[in-house]
Amino acid sequence: MKLVSLFRRMSCAALLPLMALGASQAHAAAAAAVDVTDVVTGITNQTASIVTVGTTILGIVVAIVAFRWIRRVLK
Protein backbone atom coordinates (compact mmCIF):
# COMPACT_ATOMS: atom_id res chain seq x y z
CA MET A 1 0.00 0.00 0.00
CA LYS A 2 1.35 3.40 -0.86
CA LEU A 3 2.15 5.83 1.91
CA VAL A 4 -0.01 8.57 0.38
CA SER A 5 -3.06 6.30 0.26
CA LEU A 6 -2.51 5.23 3.86
CA PHE A 7 -2.17 8.86 4.94
CA ARG A 8 -5.44 9.79 3.21
CA ARG A 9 -7.31 6.94 4.87
CA MET A 10 -5.93 7.82 8.28
CA SER A 11 -6.76 11.51 7.90
CA CYS A 12 -10.32 10.72 6.78
CA ALA A 13 -10.77 8.34 9.70
CA ALA A 14 -9.52 11.01 12.10
CA LEU A 15 -11.83 13.71 10.71
CA LEU A 16 -15.01 11.62 10.72
CA PRO A 17 -15.78 11.94 14.47
CA LEU A 18 -15.09 15.68 14.35
CA MET A 19 -17.46 16.17 11.43
CA ALA A 20 -20.17 14.12 13.15
CA LEU A 21 -19.82 16.17 16.32
CA GLY A 22 -20.05 19.44 14.40
CA ALA A 23 -23.10 18.25 12.47
CA SER A 24 -24.93 17.20 15.60
CA GLN A 25 -24.27 20.53 17.31
CA ALA A 26 -25.39 22.48 14.25
CA HIS A 27 -28.54 20.37 14.00
CA ALA A 28 -29.38 20.90 17.67
CA ALA A 29 -28.97 24.67 17.33
CA ALA A 30 -31.06 24.82 14.15
CA ALA A 31 -33.81 22.61 15.55
CA ALA A 32 -34.22 24.80 18.59
CA ALA A 33 -34.44 28.00 16.54
CA VAL A 34 -37.03 26.95 13.93
CA ASP A 35 -40.75 27.16 14.68
CA VAL A 36 -42.75 25.20 12.11
CA THR A 37 -46.27 25.59 13.48
CA ASP A 38 -47.19 28.27 10.93
CA VAL A 39 -46.00 26.07 8.06
CA VAL A 40 -47.91 23.04 9.33
CA THR A 41 -51.05 25.12 9.77
CA GLY A 42 -50.71 26.50 6.25
CA ILE A 43 -50.32 23.03 4.75
CA THR A 44 -53.25 21.70 6.77
CA ASN A 45 -55.46 24.53 5.53
CA GLN A 46 -54.62 23.70 1.90
CA THR A 47 -55.65 20.03 1.99
CA ALA A 48 -58.94 20.72 0.18
CA SER A 49 -57.10 22.43 -2.68
CA ILE A 50 -54.58 19.59 -2.87
CA VAL A 51 -57.35 16.99 -3.03
CA THR A 52 -59.11 18.95 -5.79
CA VAL A 53 -55.97 19.20 -7.91
CA GLY A 54 -55.12 15.52 -7.37
CA THR A 55 -58.63 14.42 -8.31
CA THR A 56 -58.56 16.55 -11.46
CA ILE A 57 -55.21 15.11 -12.57
CA LEU A 58 -56.40 11.56 -11.88
CA GLY A 59 -59.57 12.23 -13.89
CA ILE A 60 -57.55 13.49 -16.85
CA VAL A 61 -55.31 10.42 -16.78
CA VAL A 62 -58.32 8.10 -16.61
CA ALA A 63 -59.96 9.95 -19.53
CA ILE A 64 -56.81 9.58 -21.65
CA VAL A 65 -56.56 5.86 -20.90
CA ALA A 66 -60.27 5.34 -21.66
CA PHE A 67 -59.89 7.23 -24.95
CA ARG A 68 -56.97 4.99 -25.93
CA TRP A 69 -58.92 1.86 -25.07
CA ILE A 70 -61.88 3.02 -27.17
CA ARG A 71 -59.63 3.83 -30.12
CA ARG A 72 -57.98 0.41 -29.85
CA VAL A 73 -61.35 -1.35 -29.86
CA LEU A 74 -62.56 0.62 -32.92
CA LYS A 75 -59.50 -0.27 -35.04
PDB file of N, CA and C in Angstrom:
ATOM      1  N   MET A   1       0.850  -1.170   0.000  1.00  0.00           N
ATOM      2  CA  MET A   1       0.000   0.000   0.000  1.00  0.00           C
ATOM      3  C   MET A   1       0.895   1.233   0.000  1.00  0.00           C
ATOM      4  N   LYS A   2       0.544   2.184  -0.782  1.00  0.00           N
ATOM      5  CA  LYS A   2       1.348   3.397  -0.858  1.00  0.00           C
ATOM      6  C   LYS A   2       1.166   4.233   0.402  1.00  0.00           C
ATOM      7  N   LEU A   3       2.174   4.993   0.716  1.00  0.00           N
ATOM      8  CA  LEU A   3       2.153   5.825   1.908  1.00  0.00           C
ATOM      9  C   LEU A   3       1.113   6.931   1.788  1.00  0.00           C
ATOM     10  N   VAL A   4       0.948   7.489   0.578  1.00  0.00           N
ATOM     11  CA  VAL A   4      -0.010   8.574   0.381  1.00  0.00           C
ATOM     12  C   VAL A   4      -1.438   8.059   0.604  1.00  0.00           C
ATOM     13  N   SER A   5      -1.732   6.869   0.086  1.00  0.00           N
ATOM     14  CA  SER A   5      -3.060   6.296   0.259  1.00  0.00           C
ATOM     15  C   SER A   5      -3.342   6.010   1.729  1.00  0.00           C
ATOM     16  N   LEU A   6      -2.353   5.495   2.439  1.00  0.00           N
ATOM     17  CA  LEU A   6      -2.507   5.225   3.857  1.00  0.00           C
ATOM     18  C   LEU A   6      -2.738   6.520   4.632  1.00  0.00           C
ATOM     19  N   PHE A   7      -2.008   7.566   4.281  1.00  0.00           N
ATOM     20  CA  PHE A   7      -2.167   8.856   4.944  1.00  0.00           C
ATOM     21  C   PHE A   7      -3.567   9.414   4.720  1.00  0.00           C
ATOM     22  N   ARG A   8      -4.084   9.299   3.503  1.00  0.00           N
ATOM     23  CA  ARG A   8      -5.435   9.790   3.205  1.00  0.00           C
ATOM     24  C   ARG A   8      -6.485   9.040   4.013  1.00  0.00           C
ATOM     25  N   ARG A   9      -6.342   7.729   4.104  1.00  0.00           N
ATOM     26  CA  ARG A   9      -7.309   6.940   4.873  1.00  0.00           C
ATOM     27  C   ARG A   9      -7.262   7.309   6.350  1.00  0.00           C
ATOM     28  N   MET A  10      -6.073   7.479   6.868  1.00  0.00           N
ATOM     29  CA  MET A  10      -5.926   7.818   8.284  1.00  0.00           C
ATOM     30  C   MET A  10      -6.494   9.209   8.571  1.00  0.00           C
ATOM     31  N   SER A  11      -6.254  10.158   7.670  1.00  0.00           N
ATOM     32  CA  SER A  11      -6.758  11.509   7.903  1.00  0.00           C
ATOM     33  C   SER A  11      -8.283  11.545   7.805  1.00  0.00           C
ATOM     34  N   CYS A  12      -8.857  10.775   6.884  1.00  0.00           N
ATOM     35  CA  CYS A  12     -10.320  10.717   6.784  1.00  0.00           C
ATOM     36  C   CYS A  12     -10.913  10.061   8.026  1.00  0.00           C
ATOM     37  N   ALA A  13     -10.276   9.021   8.509  1.00  0.00           N
ATOM     38  CA  ALA A  13     -10.772   8.343   9.701  1.00  0.00           C
ATOM     39  C   ALA A  13     -10.677   9.245  10.927  1.00  0.00           C
ATOM     40  N   ALA A  14      -9.674  10.108  10.964  1.00  0.00           N
ATOM     41  CA  ALA A  14      -9.520  11.010  12.100  1.00  0.00           C
ATOM     42  C   ALA A  14     -10.527  12.157  12.040  1.00  0.00           C
ATOM     43  N   LEU A  15     -10.907  12.582  10.850  1.00  0.00           N
ATOM     44  CA  LEU A  15     -11.827  13.708  10.707  1.00  0.00           C
ATOM     45  C   LEU A  15     -13.295  13.316  10.866  1.00  0.00           C
ATOM     46  N   LEU A  16     -13.618  12.054  10.675  1.00  0.00           N
ATOM     47  CA  LEU A  16     -15.008  11.620  10.723  1.00  0.00           C
ATOM     48  C   LEU A  16     -15.693  11.919  12.059  1.00  0.00           C
ATOM     49  N   PRO A  17     -15.098  11.605  13.215  1.00  0.00           N
ATOM     50  CA  PRO A  17     -15.783  11.943  14.471  1.00  0.00           C
ATOM     51  C   PRO A  17     -15.956  13.446  14.669  1.00  0.00           C
ATOM     52  N   LEU A  18     -14.981  14.227  14.218  1.00  0.00           N
ATOM     53  CA  LEU A  18     -15.094  15.676  14.351  1.00  0.00           C
ATOM     54  C   LEU A  18     -16.237  16.229  13.504  1.00  0.00           C
ATOM     55  N   MET A  19     -16.380  15.711  12.298  1.00  0.00           N
ATOM     56  CA  MET A  19     -17.464  16.165  11.432  1.00  0.00           C
ATOM     57  C   MET A  19     -18.818  15.761  12.000  1.00  0.00           C
ATOM     58  N   ALA A  20     -18.912  14.565  12.559  1.00  0.00           N
ATOM     59  CA  ALA A  20     -20.167  14.117  13.148  1.00  0.00           C
ATOM     60  C   ALA A  20     -20.537  14.973  14.354  1.00  0.00           C
ATOM     61  N   LEU A  21     -19.568  15.323  15.160  1.00  0.00           N
ATOM     62  CA  LEU A  21     -19.818  16.167  16.322  1.00  0.00           C
ATOM     63  C   LEU A  21     -20.288  17.552  15.893  1.00  0.00           C
ATOM     64  N   GLY A  22     -19.641  18.122  14.889  1.00  0.00           N
ATOM     65  CA  GLY A  22     -20.047  19.440  14.395  1.00  0.00           C
ATOM     66  C   GLY A  22     -21.433  19.420  13.790  1.00  0.00           C
ATOM     67  N   ALA A  23     -21.774  18.350  13.082  1.00  0.00           N
ATOM     68  CA  ALA A  23     -23.096  18.251  12.465  1.00  0.00           C
ATOM     69  C   ALA A  23     -24.181  18.121  13.525  1.00  0.00           C
ATOM     70  N   SER A  24     -23.908  17.362  14.575  1.00  0.00           N
ATOM     71  CA  SER A  24     -24.932  17.197  15.599  1.00  0.00           C
ATOM     72  C   SER A  24     -25.166  18.492  16.372  1.00  0.00           C
ATOM     73  N   GLN A  25     -24.106  19.253  16.613  1.00  0.00           N
ATOM     74  CA  GLN A  25     -24.271  20.527  17.307  1.00  0.00           C
ATOM     75  C   GLN A  25     -25.009  21.535  16.440  1.00  0.00           C
ATOM     76  N   ALA A  26     -24.697  21.558  15.154  1.00  0.00           N
ATOM     77  CA  ALA A  26     -25.390  22.479  14.248  1.00  0.00           C
ATOM     78  C   ALA A  26     -26.857  22.101  14.132  1.00  0.00           C
ATOM     79  N   HIS A  27     -27.151  20.813  14.102  1.00  0.00           N
ATOM     80  CA  HIS A  27     -28.543  20.368  14.001  1.00  0.00           C
ATOM     81  C   HIS A  27     -29.311  20.738  15.275  1.00  0.00           C
ATOM     82  N   ALA A  28     -28.700  20.577  16.414  1.00  0.00           N
ATOM     83  CA  ALA A  28     -29.377  20.902  17.666  1.00  0.00           C
ATOM     84  C   ALA A  28     -29.680  22.393  17.750  1.00  0.00           C
ATOM     85  N   ALA A  29     -28.750  23.224  17.292  1.00  0.00           N
ATOM     86  CA  ALA A  29     -28.967  24.672  17.331  1.00  0.00           C
ATOM     87  C   ALA A  29     -30.059  25.082  16.343  1.00  0.00           C
ATOM     88  N   ALA A  30     -30.066  24.472  15.162  1.00  0.00           N
ATOM     89  CA  ALA A  30     -31.059  24.823  14.149  1.00  0.00           C
ATOM     90  C   ALA A  30     -32.443  24.322  14.556  1.00  0.00           C
ATOM     91  N   ALA A  31     -32.511  23.160  15.168  1.00  0.00           N
ATOM     92  CA  ALA A  31     -33.811  22.607  15.550  1.00  0.00           C
ATOM     93  C   ALA A  31     -34.458  23.438  16.652  1.00  0.00           C
ATOM     94  N   ALA A  32     -33.659  24.007  17.508  1.00  0.00           N
ATOM     95  CA  ALA A  32     -34.216  24.803  18.590  1.00  0.00           C
ATOM     96  C   ALA A  32     -34.695  26.166  18.096  1.00  0.00           C
ATOM     97  N   ALA A  33     -34.141  26.660  16.997  1.00  0.00           N
ATOM     98  CA  ALA A  33     -34.444  28.003  16.535  1.00  0.00           C
ATOM     99  C   ALA A  33     -35.622  28.059  15.554  1.00  0.00           C
ATOM    100  N   VAL A  34     -36.027  26.942  14.977  1.00  0.00           N
ATOM    101  CA  VAL A  34     -37.034  26.947  13.927  1.00  0.00           C
ATOM    102  C   VAL A  34     -38.394  26.576  14.511  1.00  0.00           C
ATOM    103  N   ASP A  35     -39.379  27.438  14.266  1.00  0.00           N
ATOM    104  CA  ASP A  35     -40.748  27.163  14.678  1.00  0.00           C
ATOM    105  C   ASP A  35     -41.562  26.846  13.434  1.00  0.00           C
ATOM    106  N   VAL A  36     -42.083  25.645  13.328  1.00  0.00           N
ATOM    107  CA  VAL A  36     -42.751  25.201  12.110  1.00  0.00           C
ATOM    108  C   VAL A  36     -44.275  25.154  12.235  1.00  0.00           C
ATOM    109  N   THR A  37     -44.823  25.675  13.304  1.00  0.00           N
ATOM    110  CA  THR A  37     -46.274  25.586  13.485  1.00  0.00           C
ATOM    111  C   THR A  37     -47.038  26.354  12.410  1.00  0.00           C
ATOM    112  N   ASP A  38     -46.518  27.505  11.982  1.00  0.00           N
ATOM    113  CA  ASP A  38     -47.194  28.269  10.926  1.00  0.00           C
ATOM    114  C   ASP A  38     -47.200  27.497   9.608  1.00  0.00           C
ATOM    115  N   VAL A  39     -46.091  26.832   9.303  1.00  0.00           N
ATOM    116  CA  VAL A  39     -46.001  26.067   8.060  1.00  0.00           C
ATOM    117  C   VAL A  39     -46.963  24.887   8.094  1.00  0.00           C
ATOM    118  N   VAL A  40     -47.007  24.186   9.209  1.00  0.00           N
ATOM    119  CA  VAL A  40     -47.910  23.036   9.331  1.00  0.00           C
ATOM    120  C   VAL A  40     -49.358  23.485   9.238  1.00  0.00           C
ATOM    121  N   THR A  41     -49.687  24.597   9.854  1.00  0.00           N
ATOM    122  CA  THR A  41     -51.050  25.121   9.773  1.00  0.00           C
ATOM    123  C   THR A  41     -51.402  25.504   8.337  1.00  0.00           C
ATOM    124  N   GLY A  42     -50.470  26.132   7.639  1.00  0.00           N
ATOM    125  CA  GLY A  42     -50.708  26.500   6.245  1.00  0.00           C
ATOM    126  C   GLY A  42     -50.936  25.298   5.353  1.00  0.00           C
ATOM    127  N   ILE A  43     -50.151  24.256   5.548  1.00  0.00           N
ATOM    128  CA  ILE A  43     -50.324  23.032   4.750  1.00  0.00           C
ATOM    129  C   ILE A  43     -51.644  22.362   5.083  1.00  0.00           C
ATOM    130  N   THR A  44     -51.991  22.321   6.353  1.00  0.00           N
ATOM    131  CA  THR A  44     -53.247  21.701   6.769  1.00  0.00           C
ATOM    132  C   THR A  44     -54.444  22.444   6.184  1.00  0.00           C
ATOM    133  N   ASN A  45     -54.361  23.754   6.089  1.00  0.00           N
ATOM    134  CA  ASN A  45     -55.462  24.535   5.531  1.00  0.00           C
ATOM    135  C   ASN A  45     -55.614  24.333   4.029  1.00  0.00           C
ATOM    136  N   GLN A  46     -54.580  23.863   3.352  1.00  0.00           N
ATOM    137  CA  GLN A  46     -54.615  23.695   1.900  1.00  0.00           C
ATOM    138  C   GLN A  46     -54.985  22.291   1.462  1.00  0.00           C
ATOM    139  N   THR A  47     -55.373  21.412   2.376  1.00  0.00           N
ATOM    140  CA  THR A  47     -55.654  20.029   1.988  1.00  0.00           C
ATOM    141  C   THR A  47     -56.817  19.925   1.002  1.00  0.00           C
ATOM    142  N   ALA A  48     -57.820  20.774   1.121  1.00  0.00           N
ATOM    143  CA  ALA A  48     -58.944  20.723   0.178  1.00  0.00           C
ATOM    144  C   ALA A  48     -58.477  21.064  -1.233  1.00  0.00           C
ATOM    145  N   SER A  49     -57.620  22.061  -1.367  1.00  0.00           N
ATOM    146  CA  SER A  49     -57.096  22.428  -2.682  1.00  0.00           C
ATOM    147  C   SER A  49     -56.236  21.315  -3.254  1.00  0.00           C
ATOM    148  N   ILE A  50     -55.448  20.676  -2.412  1.00  0.00           N
ATOM    149  CA  ILE A  50     -54.577  19.591  -2.870  1.00  0.00           C
ATOM    150  C   ILE A  50     -55.414  18.407  -3.346  1.00  0.00           C
ATOM    151  N   VAL A  51     -56.473  18.092  -2.628  1.00  0.00           N
ATOM    152  CA  VAL A  51     -57.351  16.994  -3.029  1.00  0.00           C
ATOM    153  C   VAL A  51     -58.032  17.311  -4.346  1.00  0.00           C
ATOM    154  N   THR A  52     -58.459  18.555  -4.539  1.00  0.00           N
ATOM    155  CA  THR A  52     -59.110  18.951  -5.786  1.00  0.00           C
ATOM    156  C   THR A  52     -58.164  18.818  -6.973  1.00  0.00           C
ATOM    157  N   VAL A  53     -56.950  19.293  -6.820  1.00  0.00           N
ATOM    158  CA  VAL A  53     -55.968  19.199  -7.911  1.00  0.00           C
ATOM    159  C   VAL A  53     -55.638  17.740  -8.206  1.00  0.00           C
ATOM    160  N   GLY A  54     -55.430  16.933  -7.174  1.00  0.00           N
ATOM    161  CA  GLY A  54     -55.122  15.518  -7.370  1.00  0.00           C
ATOM    162  C   GLY A  54     -56.245  14.777  -8.059  1.00  0.00           C
ATOM    163  N   THR A  55     -57.473  15.059  -7.680  1.00  0.00           N
ATOM    164  CA  THR A  55     -58.629  14.415  -8.315  1.00  0.00           C
ATOM    165  C   THR A  55     -58.751  14.820  -9.774  1.00  0.00           C
ATOM    166  N   THR A  56     -58.495  16.079 -10.070  1.00  0.00           N
ATOM    167  CA  THR A  56     -58.556  16.553 -11.457  1.00  0.00           C
ATOM    168  C   THR A  56     -57.504  15.866 -12.317  1.00  0.00           C
ATOM    169  N   ILE A  57     -56.285  15.767 -11.810  1.00  0.00           N
ATOM    170  CA  ILE A  57     -55.211  15.115 -12.569  1.00  0.00           C
ATOM    171  C   ILE A  57     -55.538  13.641 -12.782  1.00  0.00           C
ATOM    172  N   LEU A  58     -56.021  12.966 -11.746  1.00  0.00           N
ATOM    173  CA  LEU A  58     -56.396  11.562 -11.884  1.00  0.00           C
ATOM    174  C   LEU A  58     -57.514  11.396 -12.910  1.00  0.00           C
ATOM    175  N   GLY A  59     -58.491  12.292 -12.913  1.00  0.00           N
ATOM    176  CA  GLY A  59     -59.574  12.232 -13.891  1.00  0.00           C
ATOM    177  C   GLY A  59     -59.073  12.396 -15.314  1.00  0.00           C
ATOM    178  N   ILE A  60     -58.110  13.293 -15.506  1.00  0.00           N
ATOM    179  CA  ILE A  60     -57.546  13.495 -16.846  1.00  0.00           C
ATOM    180  C   ILE A  60     -56.809  12.240 -17.305  1.00  0.00           C
ATOM    181  N   VAL A  61     -56.044  11.638 -16.423  1.00  0.00           N
ATOM    182  CA  VAL A  61     -55.311  10.421 -16.781  1.00  0.00           C
ATOM    183  C   VAL A  61     -56.284   9.298 -17.124  1.00  0.00           C
ATOM    184  N   VAL A  62     -57.322   9.141 -16.337  1.00  0.00           N
ATOM    185  CA  VAL A  62     -58.319   8.098 -16.610  1.00  0.00           C
ATOM    186  C   VAL A  62     -59.015   8.366 -17.946  1.00  0.00           C
ATOM    187  N   ALA A  63     -59.319   9.622 -18.250  1.00  0.00           N
ATOM    188  CA  ALA A  63     -59.959   9.953 -19.530  1.00  0.00           C
ATOM    189  C   ALA A  63     -59.043   9.621 -20.709  1.00  0.00           C
ATOM    190  N   ILE A  64     -57.762   9.892 -20.573  1.00  0.00           N
ATOM    191  CA  ILE A  64     -56.814   9.584 -21.655  1.00  0.00           C
ATOM    192  C   ILE A  64     -56.724   8.074 -21.867  1.00  0.00           C
ATOM    193  N   VAL A  65     -56.635   7.318 -20.779  1.00  0.00           N
ATOM    194  CA  VAL A  65     -56.560   5.861 -20.900  1.00  0.00           C
ATOM    195  C   VAL A  65     -57.843   5.308 -21.509  1.00  0.00           C
ATOM    196  N   ALA A  66     -58.994   5.807 -21.101  1.00  0.00           N
ATOM    197  CA  ALA A  66     -60.265   5.337 -21.662  1.00  0.00           C
ATOM    198  C   ALA A  66     -60.347   5.665 -23.152  1.00  0.00           C
ATOM    199  N   PHE A  67     -59.885   6.842 -23.539  1.00  0.00           N
ATOM    200  CA  PHE A  67     -59.894   7.227 -24.952  1.00  0.00           C
ATOM    201  C   PHE A  67     -59.013   6.279 -25.772  1.00  0.00           C
ATOM    202  N   ARG A  68     -57.846   5.927 -25.224  1.00  0.00           N
ATOM    203  CA  ARG A  68     -56.967   4.994 -25.933  1.00  0.00           C
ATOM    204  C   ARG A  68     -57.609   3.615 -26.061  1.00  0.00           C
ATOM    205  N   TRP A  69     -58.267   3.156 -25.006  1.00  0.00           N
ATOM    206  CA  TRP A  69     -58.921   1.859 -25.074  1.00  0.00           C
ATOM    207  C   TRP A  69     -60.026   1.871 -26.125  1.00  0.00           C
ATOM    208  N   ILE A  70     -60.795   2.925 -26.181  1.00  0.00           N
ATOM    209  CA  ILE A  70     -61.881   3.020 -27.168  1.00  0.00           C
ATOM    210  C   ILE A  70     -61.312   3.047 -28.578  1.00  0.00           C
ATOM    211  N   ARG A  71     -60.238   3.795 -28.795  1.00  0.00           N
ATOM    212  CA  ARG A  71     -59.626   3.832 -30.122  1.00  0.00           C
ATOM    213  C   ARG A  71     -59.083   2.476 -30.517  1.00  0.00           C
ATOM    214  N   ARG A  72     -58.520   1.731 -29.548  1.00  0.00           N
ATOM    215  CA  ARG A  72     -57.980   0.412 -29.847  1.00  0.00           C
ATOM    216  C   ARG A  72     -59.102  -0.561 -30.232  1.00  0.00           C
ATOM    217  N   VAL A  73     -60.231  -0.454 -29.569  1.00  0.00           N
ATOM    218  CA  VAL A  73     -61.354  -1.350 -29.862  1.00  0.00           C
ATOM    219  C   VAL A  73     -61.931  -1.037 -31.242  1.00  0.00           C
ATOM    220  N   LEU A  74     -61.975   0.245 -31.621  1.00  0.00           N
ATOM    221  CA  LEU A  74     -62.564   0.616 -32.916  1.00  0.00           C
ATOM    222  C   LEU A  74     -61.669   0.315 -34.103  1.00  0.00           C
ATOM    223  N   LYS A  75     -60.403   0.015 -33.887  1.00  0.00           N
ATOM    224  CA  LYS A  75     -59.502  -0.267 -35.036  1.00  0.00           C
ATOM    225  C   LYS A  75     -59.779  -1.580 -35.646  1.00  0.00           C
TER     226      LYS A  75
END
